[in-house]
mmCIF file of all heavy atoms, coordinates in Angstrom:
data_MODEL
# 
_entry.id   MODEL 
# 
loop_
_atom_site.group_PDB 
_atom_site.id 
_atom_site.type_symbol 
_atom_site.label_atom_id 
_atom_site.label_alt_id 
_atom_site.label_comp_id 
_atom_site.label_asym_id 
_atom_site.label_entity_id 
_atom_site.label_seq_id 
_atom_site.pdbx_PDB_ins_code 
_atom_site.Cartn_x 
_atom_site.Cartn_y 
_atom_site.Cartn_z 
_atom_site.occupancy 
_atom_site.B_iso_or_equiv 
_atom_site.pdbx_formal_charge 
_atom_site.auth_seq_id 
_atom_site.auth_comp_id 
_atom_site.auth_asym_id 
_atom_site.auth_atom_id 
_atom_site.pdbx_PDB_model_num 
ATOM 1   N N   . PRO A 1 1  ? -18.546 16.638 -13.820 1.00 0.00 ? 1  PRO A N   1 
ATOM 2   C CA  . PRO A 1 1  ? -19.519 16.116 -12.932 1.00 0.00 ? 1  PRO A CA  1 
ATOM 3   C C   . PRO A 1 1  ? -19.002 15.950 -11.536 1.00 0.00 ? 1  PRO A C   1 
ATOM 4   O O   . PRO A 1 1  ? -19.736 16.113 -10.604 1.00 0.00 ? 1  PRO A O   1 
ATOM 5   C CB  . PRO A 1 1  ? -19.969 14.772 -13.539 1.00 0.00 ? 1  PRO A CB  1 
ATOM 6   C CG  . PRO A 1 1  ? -19.673 14.958 -15.047 1.00 0.00 ? 1  PRO A CG  1 
ATOM 7   C CD  . PRO A 1 1  ? -18.484 15.915 -15.092 1.00 0.00 ? 1  PRO A CD  1 
ATOM 8   N N   . LEU A 1 2  ? -17.732 15.610 -11.308 1.00 0.00 ? 2  LEU A N   1 
ATOM 9   C CA  . LEU A 1 2  ? -17.205 15.481 -9.967  1.00 0.00 ? 2  LEU A CA  1 
ATOM 10  C C   . LEU A 1 2  ? -17.181 16.823 -9.324  1.00 0.00 ? 2  LEU A C   1 
ATOM 11  O O   . LEU A 1 2  ? -17.671 16.908 -8.082  1.00 0.00 ? 2  LEU A O   1 
ATOM 12  C CB  . LEU A 1 2  ? -15.736 14.971 -10.074 1.00 0.00 ? 2  LEU A CB  1 
ATOM 13  C CG  . LEU A 1 2  ? -15.579 13.451 -10.162 1.00 0.00 ? 2  LEU A CG  1 
ATOM 14  C CD1 . LEU A 1 2  ? -14.114 13.141 -10.472 1.00 0.00 ? 2  LEU A CD1 1 
ATOM 15  C CD2 . LEU A 1 2  ? -15.949 12.793 -8.697  1.00 0.00 ? 2  LEU A CD2 1 
ATOM 16  N N   . GLN A 1 3  ? -16.878 17.873 -9.930  1.00 0.00 ? 3  GLN A N   1 
ATOM 17  C CA  . GLN A 1 3  ? -16.855 19.194 -9.427  1.00 0.00 ? 3  GLN A CA  1 
ATOM 18  C C   . GLN A 1 3  ? -18.262 19.655 -8.854  1.00 0.00 ? 3  GLN A C   1 
ATOM 19  O O   . GLN A 1 3  ? -18.520 20.115 -7.809  1.00 0.00 ? 3  GLN A O   1 
ATOM 20  C CB  . GLN A 1 3  ? -16.295 20.255 -10.323 1.00 0.00 ? 3  GLN A CB  1 
ATOM 21  C CG  . GLN A 1 3  ? -14.846 20.029 -10.499 1.00 0.00 ? 3  GLN A CG  1 
ATOM 22  C CD  . GLN A 1 3  ? -14.278 20.872 -11.626 1.00 0.00 ? 3  GLN A CD  1 
ATOM 23  O OE1 . GLN A 1 3  ? -14.775 20.893 -12.794 1.00 0.00 ? 3  GLN A OE1 1 
ATOM 24  N NE2 . GLN A 1 3  ? -13.240 21.730 -11.310 1.00 0.00 ? 3  GLN A NE2 1 
ATOM 25  N N   . THR A 1 4  ? -19.226 19.286 -9.811  1.00 0.00 ? 4  THR A N   1 
ATOM 26  C CA  . THR A 1 4  ? -20.666 19.655 -9.576  1.00 0.00 ? 4  THR A CA  1 
ATOM 27  C C   . THR A 1 4  ? -21.117 18.860 -8.258  1.00 0.00 ? 4  THR A C   1 
ATOM 28  O O   . THR A 1 4  ? -21.806 19.396 -7.377  1.00 0.00 ? 4  THR A O   1 
ATOM 29  C CB  . THR A 1 4  ? -21.538 19.375 -10.787 1.00 0.00 ? 4  THR A CB  1 
ATOM 30  O OG1 . THR A 1 4  ? -21.002 20.252 -11.894 1.00 0.00 ? 4  THR A OG1 1 
ATOM 31  C CG2 . THR A 1 4  ? -22.997 19.759 -10.441 1.00 0.00 ? 4  THR A CG2 1 
ATOM 32  N N   . ALA A 1 5  ? -20.903 17.601 -8.341  1.00 0.00 ? 5  ALA A N   1 
ATOM 33  C CA  . ALA A 1 5  ? -21.257 16.702 -7.232  1.00 0.00 ? 5  ALA A CA  1 
ATOM 34  C C   . ALA A 1 5  ? -20.660 17.111 -5.864  1.00 0.00 ? 5  ALA A C   1 
ATOM 35  O O   . ALA A 1 5  ? -21.234 17.099 -4.823  1.00 0.00 ? 5  ALA A O   1 
ATOM 36  C CB  . ALA A 1 5  ? -20.994 15.280 -7.527  1.00 0.00 ? 5  ALA A CB  1 
ATOM 37  N N   . PHE A 1 6  ? -19.394 17.634 -5.920  1.00 0.00 ? 6  PHE A N   1 
ATOM 38  C CA  . PHE A 1 6  ? -18.693 18.032 -4.655  1.00 0.00 ? 6  PHE A CA  1 
ATOM 39  C C   . PHE A 1 6  ? -19.434 19.222 -4.111  1.00 0.00 ? 6  PHE A C   1 
ATOM 40  O O   . PHE A 1 6  ? -19.590 19.326 -2.890  1.00 0.00 ? 6  PHE A O   1 
ATOM 41  C CB  . PHE A 1 6  ? -17.174 18.393 -4.991  1.00 0.00 ? 6  PHE A CB  1 
ATOM 42  C CG  . PHE A 1 6  ? -16.284 17.317 -4.588  1.00 0.00 ? 6  PHE A CG  1 
ATOM 43  C CD1 . PHE A 1 6  ? -16.389 15.990 -5.278  1.00 0.00 ? 6  PHE A CD1 1 
ATOM 44  C CD2 . PHE A 1 6  ? -15.286 17.411 -3.691  1.00 0.00 ? 6  PHE A CD2 1 
ATOM 45  C CE1 . PHE A 1 6  ? -15.574 14.939 -5.041  1.00 0.00 ? 6  PHE A CE1 1 
ATOM 46  C CE2 . PHE A 1 6  ? -14.405 16.313 -3.446  1.00 0.00 ? 6  PHE A CE2 1 
ATOM 47  C CZ  . PHE A 1 6  ? -14.516 15.186 -4.013  1.00 0.00 ? 6  PHE A CZ  1 
ATOM 48  N N   . MET A 1 7  ? -19.867 20.147 -4.990  1.00 0.00 ? 7  MET A N   1 
ATOM 49  C CA  . MET A 1 7  ? -20.672 21.390 -4.554  1.00 0.00 ? 7  MET A CA  1 
ATOM 50  C C   . MET A 1 7  ? -22.012 20.897 -3.854  1.00 0.00 ? 7  MET A C   1 
ATOM 51  O O   . MET A 1 7  ? -22.374 21.314 -2.850  1.00 0.00 ? 7  MET A O   1 
ATOM 52  C CB  . MET A 1 7  ? -20.863 22.303 -5.578  1.00 0.00 ? 7  MET A CB  1 
ATOM 53  C CG  . MET A 1 7  ? -19.580 22.979 -6.034  1.00 0.00 ? 7  MET A CG  1 
ATOM 54  S SD  . MET A 1 7  ? -19.850 24.394 -7.179  1.00 0.00 ? 7  MET A SD  1 
ATOM 55  C CE  . MET A 1 7  ? -20.846 23.597 -8.469  1.00 0.00 ? 7  MET A CE  1 
ATOM 56  N N   . GLU A 1 8  ? -22.657 20.006 -4.664  1.00 0.00 ? 8  GLU A N   1 
ATOM 57  C CA  . GLU A 1 8  ? -24.015 19.674 -4.282  1.00 0.00 ? 8  GLU A CA  1 
ATOM 58  C C   . GLU A 1 8  ? -24.007 18.747 -2.945  1.00 0.00 ? 8  GLU A C   1 
ATOM 59  O O   . GLU A 1 8  ? -24.921 18.907 -2.130  1.00 0.00 ? 8  GLU A O   1 
ATOM 60  C CB  . GLU A 1 8  ? -24.667 18.724 -5.372  1.00 0.00 ? 8  GLU A CB  1 
ATOM 61  C CG  . GLU A 1 8  ? -24.976 19.577 -6.568  1.00 0.00 ? 8  GLU A CG  1 
ATOM 62  C CD  . GLU A 1 8  ? -25.356 18.792 -7.800  1.00 0.00 ? 8  GLU A CD  1 
ATOM 63  O OE1 . GLU A 1 8  ? -25.229 17.454 -7.753  1.00 0.00 ? 8  GLU A OE1 1 
ATOM 64  O OE2 . GLU A 1 8  ? -25.798 19.285 -8.809  1.00 0.00 ? 8  GLU A OE2 1 
ATOM 65  N N   . GLU A 1 9  ? -22.936 18.038 -2.736  1.00 0.00 ? 9  GLU A N   1 
ATOM 66  C CA  . GLU A 1 9  ? -22.980 17.141 -1.532  1.00 0.00 ? 9  GLU A CA  1 
ATOM 67  C C   . GLU A 1 9  ? -22.122 17.829 -0.382  1.00 0.00 ? 9  GLU A C   1 
ATOM 68  O O   . GLU A 1 9  ? -21.871 17.237 0.704   1.00 0.00 ? 9  GLU A O   1 
ATOM 69  C CB  . GLU A 1 9  ? -22.213 15.792 -1.812  1.00 0.00 ? 9  GLU A CB  1 
ATOM 70  C CG  . GLU A 1 9  ? -23.031 14.960 -2.811  1.00 0.00 ? 9  GLU A CG  1 
ATOM 71  C CD  . GLU A 1 9  ? -24.309 14.416 -2.178  1.00 0.00 ? 9  GLU A CD  1 
ATOM 72  O OE1 . GLU A 1 9  ? -24.497 14.423 -0.922  1.00 0.00 ? 9  GLU A OE1 1 
ATOM 73  O OE2 . GLU A 1 9  ? -25.294 14.073 -2.952  1.00 0.00 ? 9  GLU A OE2 1 
ATOM 74  N N   . PHE A 1 10 ? -21.730 19.097 -0.611  1.00 0.00 ? 10 PHE A N   1 
ATOM 75  C CA  . PHE A 1 10 ? -20.976 19.837 0.479   1.00 0.00 ? 10 PHE A CA  1 
ATOM 76  C C   . PHE A 1 10 ? -19.681 19.135 0.779   1.00 0.00 ? 10 PHE A C   1 
ATOM 77  O O   . PHE A 1 10 ? -19.291 19.027 1.969   1.00 0.00 ? 10 PHE A O   1 
ATOM 78  C CB  . PHE A 1 10 ? -21.813 20.169 1.633   1.00 0.00 ? 10 PHE A CB  1 
ATOM 79  C CG  . PHE A 1 10 ? -23.005 21.009 1.380   1.00 0.00 ? 10 PHE A CG  1 
ATOM 80  C CD1 . PHE A 1 10 ? -24.245 20.344 1.189   1.00 0.00 ? 10 PHE A CD1 1 
ATOM 81  C CD2 . PHE A 1 10 ? -22.896 22.379 1.148   1.00 0.00 ? 10 PHE A CD2 1 
ATOM 82  C CE1 . PHE A 1 10 ? -25.411 21.090 0.931   1.00 0.00 ? 10 PHE A CE1 1 
ATOM 83  C CE2 . PHE A 1 10 ? -24.002 23.145 0.701   1.00 0.00 ? 10 PHE A CE2 1 
ATOM 84  C CZ  . PHE A 1 10 ? -25.181 22.485 0.661   1.00 0.00 ? 10 PHE A CZ  1 
ATOM 85  N N   . ALA A 1 11 ? -19.098 18.511 -0.175  1.00 0.00 ? 11 ALA A N   1 
ATOM 86  C CA  . ALA A 1 11 ? -17.852 17.717 -0.033  1.00 0.00 ? 11 ALA A CA  1 
ATOM 87  C C   . ALA A 1 11 ? -16.602 18.541 0.162   1.00 0.00 ? 11 ALA A C   1 
ATOM 88  O O   . ALA A 1 11 ? -15.575 18.032 0.410   1.00 0.00 ? 11 ALA A O   1 
ATOM 89  C CB  . ALA A 1 11 ? -17.741 16.669 -1.155  1.00 0.00 ? 11 ALA A CB  1 
ATOM 90  N N   . ALA A 1 12 ? -16.669 19.852 -0.107  1.00 0.00 ? 12 ALA A N   1 
ATOM 91  C CA  . ALA A 1 12 ? -15.547 20.754 0.048   1.00 0.00 ? 12 ALA A CA  1 
ATOM 92  C C   . ALA A 1 12 ? -15.911 21.762 1.140   1.00 0.00 ? 12 ALA A C   1 
ATOM 93  O O   . ALA A 1 12 ? -16.815 22.543 0.911   1.00 0.00 ? 12 ALA A O   1 
ATOM 94  C CB  . ALA A 1 12 ? -15.162 21.460 -1.263  1.00 0.00 ? 12 ALA A CB  1 
ATOM 95  N N   . GLN A 1 13 ? -15.236 21.579 2.252   1.00 0.00 ? 13 GLN A N   1 
ATOM 96  C CA  . GLN A 1 13 ? -15.573 22.550 3.273   1.00 0.00 ? 13 GLN A CA  1 
ATOM 97  C C   . GLN A 1 13 ? -14.414 23.682 3.354   1.00 0.00 ? 13 GLN A C   1 
ATOM 98  O O   . GLN A 1 13 ? -14.657 24.754 2.832   1.00 0.00 ? 13 GLN A O   1 
ATOM 99  C CB  . GLN A 1 13 ? -15.763 21.926 4.593   1.00 0.00 ? 13 GLN A CB  1 
ATOM 100 C CG  . GLN A 1 13 ? -17.057 21.132 4.599   1.00 0.00 ? 13 GLN A CG  1 
ATOM 101 C CD  . GLN A 1 13 ? -17.487 20.456 5.874   1.00 0.00 ? 13 GLN A CD  1 
ATOM 102 O OE1 . GLN A 1 13 ? -17.018 20.906 6.999   1.00 0.00 ? 13 GLN A OE1 1 
ATOM 103 N NE2 . GLN A 1 13 ? -18.347 19.455 5.805   1.00 0.00 ? 13 GLN A NE2 1 
ATOM 104 N N   . CYS A 1 14 ? -13.283 23.350 3.887   1.00 0.00 ? 14 CYS A N   1 
ATOM 105 C CA  . CYS A 1 14 ? -12.179 24.319 3.806   1.00 0.00 ? 14 CYS A CA  1 
ATOM 106 C C   . CYS A 1 14 ? -11.546 24.325 2.436   1.00 0.00 ? 14 CYS A C   1 
ATOM 107 O O   . CYS A 1 14 ? -11.070 25.371 1.940   1.00 0.00 ? 14 CYS A O   1 
ATOM 108 C CB  . CYS A 1 14 ? -11.031 24.095 4.838   1.00 0.00 ? 14 CYS A CB  1 
ATOM 109 S SG  . CYS A 1 14 ? -9.882  22.818 4.342   1.00 0.00 ? 14 CYS A SG  1 
ATOM 110 N N   . GLY A 1 15 ? -11.745 23.186 1.671   1.00 0.00 ? 15 GLY A N   1 
ATOM 111 C CA  . GLY A 1 15 ? -11.325 23.196 0.322   1.00 0.00 ? 15 GLY A CA  1 
ATOM 112 C C   . GLY A 1 15 ? -9.830  22.817 0.081   1.00 0.00 ? 15 GLY A C   1 
ATOM 113 O O   . GLY A 1 15 ? -9.483  22.559 -0.982  1.00 0.00 ? 15 GLY A O   1 
ATOM 114 N N   . PHE A 1 16 ? -9.067  22.625 1.152   1.00 0.00 ? 16 PHE A N   1 
ATOM 115 C CA  . PHE A 1 16 ? -7.681  22.458 0.950   1.00 0.00 ? 16 PHE A CA  1 
ATOM 116 C C   . PHE A 1 16 ? -7.408  21.071 0.256   1.00 0.00 ? 16 PHE A C   1 
ATOM 117 O O   . PHE A 1 16 ? -6.568  20.878 -0.531  1.00 0.00 ? 16 PHE A O   1 
ATOM 118 C CB  . PHE A 1 16 ? -6.866  22.643 2.255   1.00 0.00 ? 16 PHE A CB  1 
ATOM 119 C CG  . PHE A 1 16 ? -5.448  22.684 1.931   1.00 0.00 ? 16 PHE A CG  1 
ATOM 120 C CD1 . PHE A 1 16 ? -4.891  23.964 1.592   1.00 0.00 ? 16 PHE A CD1 1 
ATOM 121 C CD2 . PHE A 1 16 ? -4.465  21.679 2.146   1.00 0.00 ? 16 PHE A CD2 1 
ATOM 122 C CE1 . PHE A 1 16 ? -3.480  24.134 1.295   1.00 0.00 ? 16 PHE A CE1 1 
ATOM 123 C CE2 . PHE A 1 16 ? -3.238  21.825 1.788   1.00 0.00 ? 16 PHE A CE2 1 
ATOM 124 C CZ  . PHE A 1 16 ? -2.662  23.026 1.342   1.00 0.00 ? 16 PHE A CZ  1 
ATOM 125 N N   . CYS A 1 17 ? -8.088  20.108 0.745   1.00 0.00 ? 17 CYS A N   1 
ATOM 126 C CA  . CYS A 1 17 ? -7.981  18.713 0.158   1.00 0.00 ? 17 CYS A CA  1 
ATOM 127 C C   . CYS A 1 17 ? -8.605  18.522 -1.083  1.00 0.00 ? 17 CYS A C   1 
ATOM 128 O O   . CYS A 1 17 ? -8.347  17.511 -1.765  1.00 0.00 ? 17 CYS A O   1 
ATOM 129 C CB  . CYS A 1 17 ? -8.398  17.583 1.225   1.00 0.00 ? 17 CYS A CB  1 
ATOM 130 S SG  . CYS A 1 17 ? -10.189 17.579 1.326   1.00 0.00 ? 17 CYS A SG  1 
ATOM 131 N N   . THR A 1 18 ? -9.583  19.401 -1.512  1.00 0.00 ? 18 THR A N   1 
ATOM 132 C CA  . THR A 1 18 ? -10.390 19.130 -2.650  1.00 0.00 ? 18 THR A CA  1 
ATOM 133 C C   . THR A 1 18 ? -9.761  18.735 -3.904  1.00 0.00 ? 18 THR A C   1 
ATOM 134 O O   . THR A 1 18 ? -10.097 17.823 -4.604  1.00 0.00 ? 18 THR A O   1 
ATOM 135 C CB  . THR A 1 18 ? -11.283 20.332 -2.874  1.00 0.00 ? 18 THR A CB  1 
ATOM 136 O OG1 . THR A 1 18 ? -12.038 20.544 -1.549  1.00 0.00 ? 18 THR A OG1 1 
ATOM 137 C CG2 . THR A 1 18 ? -12.384 20.099 -3.939  1.00 0.00 ? 18 THR A CG2 1 
ATOM 138 N N   . SER A 1 19 ? -8.678  19.457 -4.349  1.00 0.00 ? 19 SER A N   1 
ATOM 139 C CA  . SER A 1 19 ? -8.025  19.265 -5.628  1.00 0.00 ? 19 SER A CA  1 
ATOM 140 C C   . SER A 1 19 ? -7.378  17.737 -5.656  1.00 0.00 ? 19 SER A C   1 
ATOM 141 O O   . SER A 1 19 ? -7.636  17.051 -6.589  1.00 0.00 ? 19 SER A O   1 
ATOM 142 C CB  . SER A 1 19 ? -6.974  20.270 -5.955  1.00 0.00 ? 19 SER A CB  1 
ATOM 143 O OG  . SER A 1 19 ? -5.994  20.189 -4.973  1.00 0.00 ? 19 SER A OG  1 
ATOM 144 N N   . GLY A 1 20 ? -6.851  17.367 -4.608  1.00 0.00 ? 20 GLY A N   1 
ATOM 145 C CA  . GLY A 1 20 ? -6.295  15.952 -4.437  1.00 0.00 ? 20 GLY A CA  1 
ATOM 146 C C   . GLY A 1 20 ? -7.389  14.981 -4.555  1.00 0.00 ? 20 GLY A C   1 
ATOM 147 O O   . GLY A 1 20 ? -7.242  13.825 -5.060  1.00 0.00 ? 20 GLY A O   1 
ATOM 148 N N   . MET A 1 21 ? -8.507  15.202 -3.767  1.00 0.00 ? 21 MET A N   1 
ATOM 149 C CA  . MET A 1 21 ? -9.618  14.311 -3.701  1.00 0.00 ? 21 MET A CA  1 
ATOM 150 C C   . MET A 1 21 ? -10.214 14.161 -5.148  1.00 0.00 ? 21 MET A C   1 
ATOM 151 O O   . MET A 1 21 ? -10.534 13.095 -5.548  1.00 0.00 ? 21 MET A O   1 
ATOM 152 C CB  . MET A 1 21 ? -10.755 14.802 -2.728  1.00 0.00 ? 21 MET A CB  1 
ATOM 153 C CG  . MET A 1 21 ? -10.353 14.718 -1.250  1.00 0.00 ? 21 MET A CG  1 
ATOM 154 S SD  . MET A 1 21 ? -10.334 13.059 -0.746  1.00 0.00 ? 21 MET A SD  1 
ATOM 155 C CE  . MET A 1 21 ? -10.120 13.354 0.962   1.00 0.00 ? 21 MET A CE  1 
ATOM 156 N N   . LEU A 1 22 ? -10.413 15.299 -5.804  1.00 0.00 ? 22 LEU A N   1 
ATOM 157 C CA  . LEU A 1 22 ? -10.984 15.300 -7.096  1.00 0.00 ? 22 LEU A CA  1 
ATOM 158 C C   . LEU A 1 22 ? -10.178 14.461 -8.038  1.00 0.00 ? 22 LEU A C   1 
ATOM 159 O O   . LEU A 1 22 ? -10.760 13.613 -8.890  1.00 0.00 ? 22 LEU A O   1 
ATOM 160 C CB  . LEU A 1 22 ? -11.119 16.767 -7.686  1.00 0.00 ? 22 LEU A CB  1 
ATOM 161 C CG  . LEU A 1 22 ? -12.317 17.492 -7.070  1.00 0.00 ? 22 LEU A CG  1 
ATOM 162 C CD1 . LEU A 1 22 ? -12.215 19.025 -7.457  1.00 0.00 ? 22 LEU A CD1 1 
ATOM 163 C CD2 . LEU A 1 22 ? -13.757 16.983 -7.572  1.00 0.00 ? 22 LEU A CD2 1 
ATOM 164 N N   . MET A 1 23 ? -8.907  14.613 -7.999  1.00 0.00 ? 23 MET A N   1 
ATOM 165 C CA  . MET A 1 23 ? -8.001  13.889 -8.971  1.00 0.00 ? 23 MET A CA  1 
ATOM 166 C C   . MET A 1 23 ? -7.909  12.366 -8.660  1.00 0.00 ? 23 MET A C   1 
ATOM 167 O O   . MET A 1 23 ? -7.950  11.496 -9.497  1.00 0.00 ? 23 MET A O   1 
ATOM 168 C CB  . MET A 1 23 ? -6.656  14.474 -9.042  1.00 0.00 ? 23 MET A CB  1 
ATOM 169 C CG  . MET A 1 23 ? -6.582  15.951 -9.542  1.00 0.00 ? 23 MET A CG  1 
ATOM 170 S SD  . MET A 1 23 ? -7.668  16.285 -10.954 1.00 0.00 ? 23 MET A SD  1 
ATOM 171 C CE  . MET A 1 23 ? -6.720  15.421 -12.231 1.00 0.00 ? 23 MET A CE  1 
ATOM 172 N N   . ALA A 1 24 ? -7.918  12.008 -7.343  1.00 0.00 ? 24 ALA A N   1 
ATOM 173 C CA  . ALA A 1 24 ? -8.005  10.582 -6.896  1.00 0.00 ? 24 ALA A CA  1 
ATOM 174 C C   . ALA A 1 24 ? -9.328  10.000 -7.386  1.00 0.00 ? 24 ALA A C   1 
ATOM 175 O O   . ALA A 1 24 ? -9.298  8.887  -7.884  1.00 0.00 ? 24 ALA A O   1 
ATOM 176 C CB  . ALA A 1 24 ? -7.769  10.441 -5.422  1.00 0.00 ? 24 ALA A CB  1 
ATOM 177 N N   . ALA A 1 25 ? -10.369 10.808 -7.252  1.00 0.00 ? 25 ALA A N   1 
ATOM 178 C CA  . ALA A 1 25 ? -11.677 10.199 -7.638  1.00 0.00 ? 25 ALA A CA  1 
ATOM 179 C C   . ALA A 1 25 ? -11.766 10.132 -9.122  1.00 0.00 ? 25 ALA A C   1 
ATOM 180 O O   . ALA A 1 25 ? -12.393 9.135  -9.648  1.00 0.00 ? 25 ALA A O   1 
ATOM 181 C CB  . ALA A 1 25 ? -12.790 11.186 -7.143  1.00 0.00 ? 25 ALA A CB  1 
ATOM 182 N N   . LYS A 1 26 ? -11.203 11.044 -9.845  1.00 0.00 ? 26 LYS A N   1 
ATOM 183 C CA  . LYS A 1 26 ? -11.319 10.926 -11.298 1.00 0.00 ? 26 LYS A CA  1 
ATOM 184 C C   . LYS A 1 26 ? -10.495 9.729  -11.784 1.00 0.00 ? 26 LYS A C   1 
ATOM 185 O O   . LYS A 1 26 ? -10.966 9.081  -12.679 1.00 0.00 ? 26 LYS A O   1 
ATOM 186 C CB  . LYS A 1 26 ? -10.632 12.160 -11.930 1.00 0.00 ? 26 LYS A CB  1 
ATOM 187 C CG  . LYS A 1 26 ? -10.781 12.098 -13.466 1.00 0.00 ? 26 LYS A CG  1 
ATOM 188 C CD  . LYS A 1 26 ? -10.373 13.451 -14.158 1.00 0.00 ? 26 LYS A CD  1 
ATOM 189 C CE  . LYS A 1 26 ? -10.565 13.401 -15.705 1.00 0.00 ? 26 LYS A CE  1 
ATOM 190 N NZ  . LYS A 1 26 ? -10.487 12.253 -16.276 1.00 0.00 ? 26 LYS A NZ  1 
ATOM 191 N N   . ALA A 1 27 ? -9.394  9.493  -11.267 1.00 0.00 ? 27 ALA A N   1 
ATOM 192 C CA  . ALA A 1 27 ? -8.575  8.303  -11.654 1.00 0.00 ? 27 ALA A CA  1 
ATOM 193 C C   . ALA A 1 27 ? -9.432  7.062  -11.297 1.00 0.00 ? 27 ALA A C   1 
ATOM 194 O O   . ALA A 1 27 ? -9.488  6.164  -12.219 1.00 0.00 ? 27 ALA A O   1 
ATOM 195 C CB  . ALA A 1 27 ? -7.272  8.177  -10.910 1.00 0.00 ? 27 ALA A CB  1 
ATOM 196 N N   . LEU A 1 28 ? -10.156 7.016  -10.320 1.00 0.00 ? 28 LEU A N   1 
ATOM 197 C CA  . LEU A 1 28 ? -11.019 5.801  -10.039 1.00 0.00 ? 28 LEU A CA  1 
ATOM 198 C C   . LEU A 1 28 ? -12.147 5.755  -11.087 1.00 0.00 ? 28 LEU A C   1 
ATOM 199 O O   . LEU A 1 28 ? -12.261 4.532  -11.569 1.00 0.00 ? 28 LEU A O   1 
ATOM 200 C CB  . LEU A 1 28 ? -11.651 5.977  -8.542  1.00 0.00 ? 28 LEU A CB  1 
ATOM 201 C CG  . LEU A 1 28 ? -12.778 4.987  -8.255  1.00 0.00 ? 28 LEU A CG  1 
ATOM 202 C CD1 . LEU A 1 28 ? -12.173 3.497  -8.283  1.00 0.00 ? 28 LEU A CD1 1 
ATOM 203 C CD2 . LEU A 1 28 ? -13.445 5.314  -6.986  1.00 0.00 ? 28 LEU A CD2 1 
ATOM 204 N N   . LEU A 1 29 ? -12.758 6.786  -11.315 1.00 0.00 ? 29 LEU A N   1 
ATOM 205 C CA  . LEU A 1 29 ? -13.931 6.739  -12.211 1.00 0.00 ? 29 LEU A CA  1 
ATOM 206 C C   . LEU A 1 29 ? -13.514 6.420  -13.683 1.00 0.00 ? 29 LEU A C   1 
ATOM 207 O O   . LEU A 1 29 ? -14.262 5.871  -14.436 1.00 0.00 ? 29 LEU A O   1 
ATOM 208 C CB  . LEU A 1 29 ? -14.773 7.995  -12.121 1.00 0.00 ? 29 LEU A CB  1 
ATOM 209 C CG  . LEU A 1 29 ? -15.571 8.240  -10.800 1.00 0.00 ? 29 LEU A CG  1 
ATOM 210 C CD1 . LEU A 1 29 ? -16.365 9.568  -10.826 1.00 0.00 ? 29 LEU A CD1 1 
ATOM 211 C CD2 . LEU A 1 29 ? -16.311 7.030  -10.427 1.00 0.00 ? 29 LEU A CD2 1 
# 
């Protein structure tokens, strides 16, 4: 669901930070 939401909210632009952001967010959730 995090990956889907990142696509829907245009949260990944260049994408370089995305993997780290996803893992930090997963730990939170």
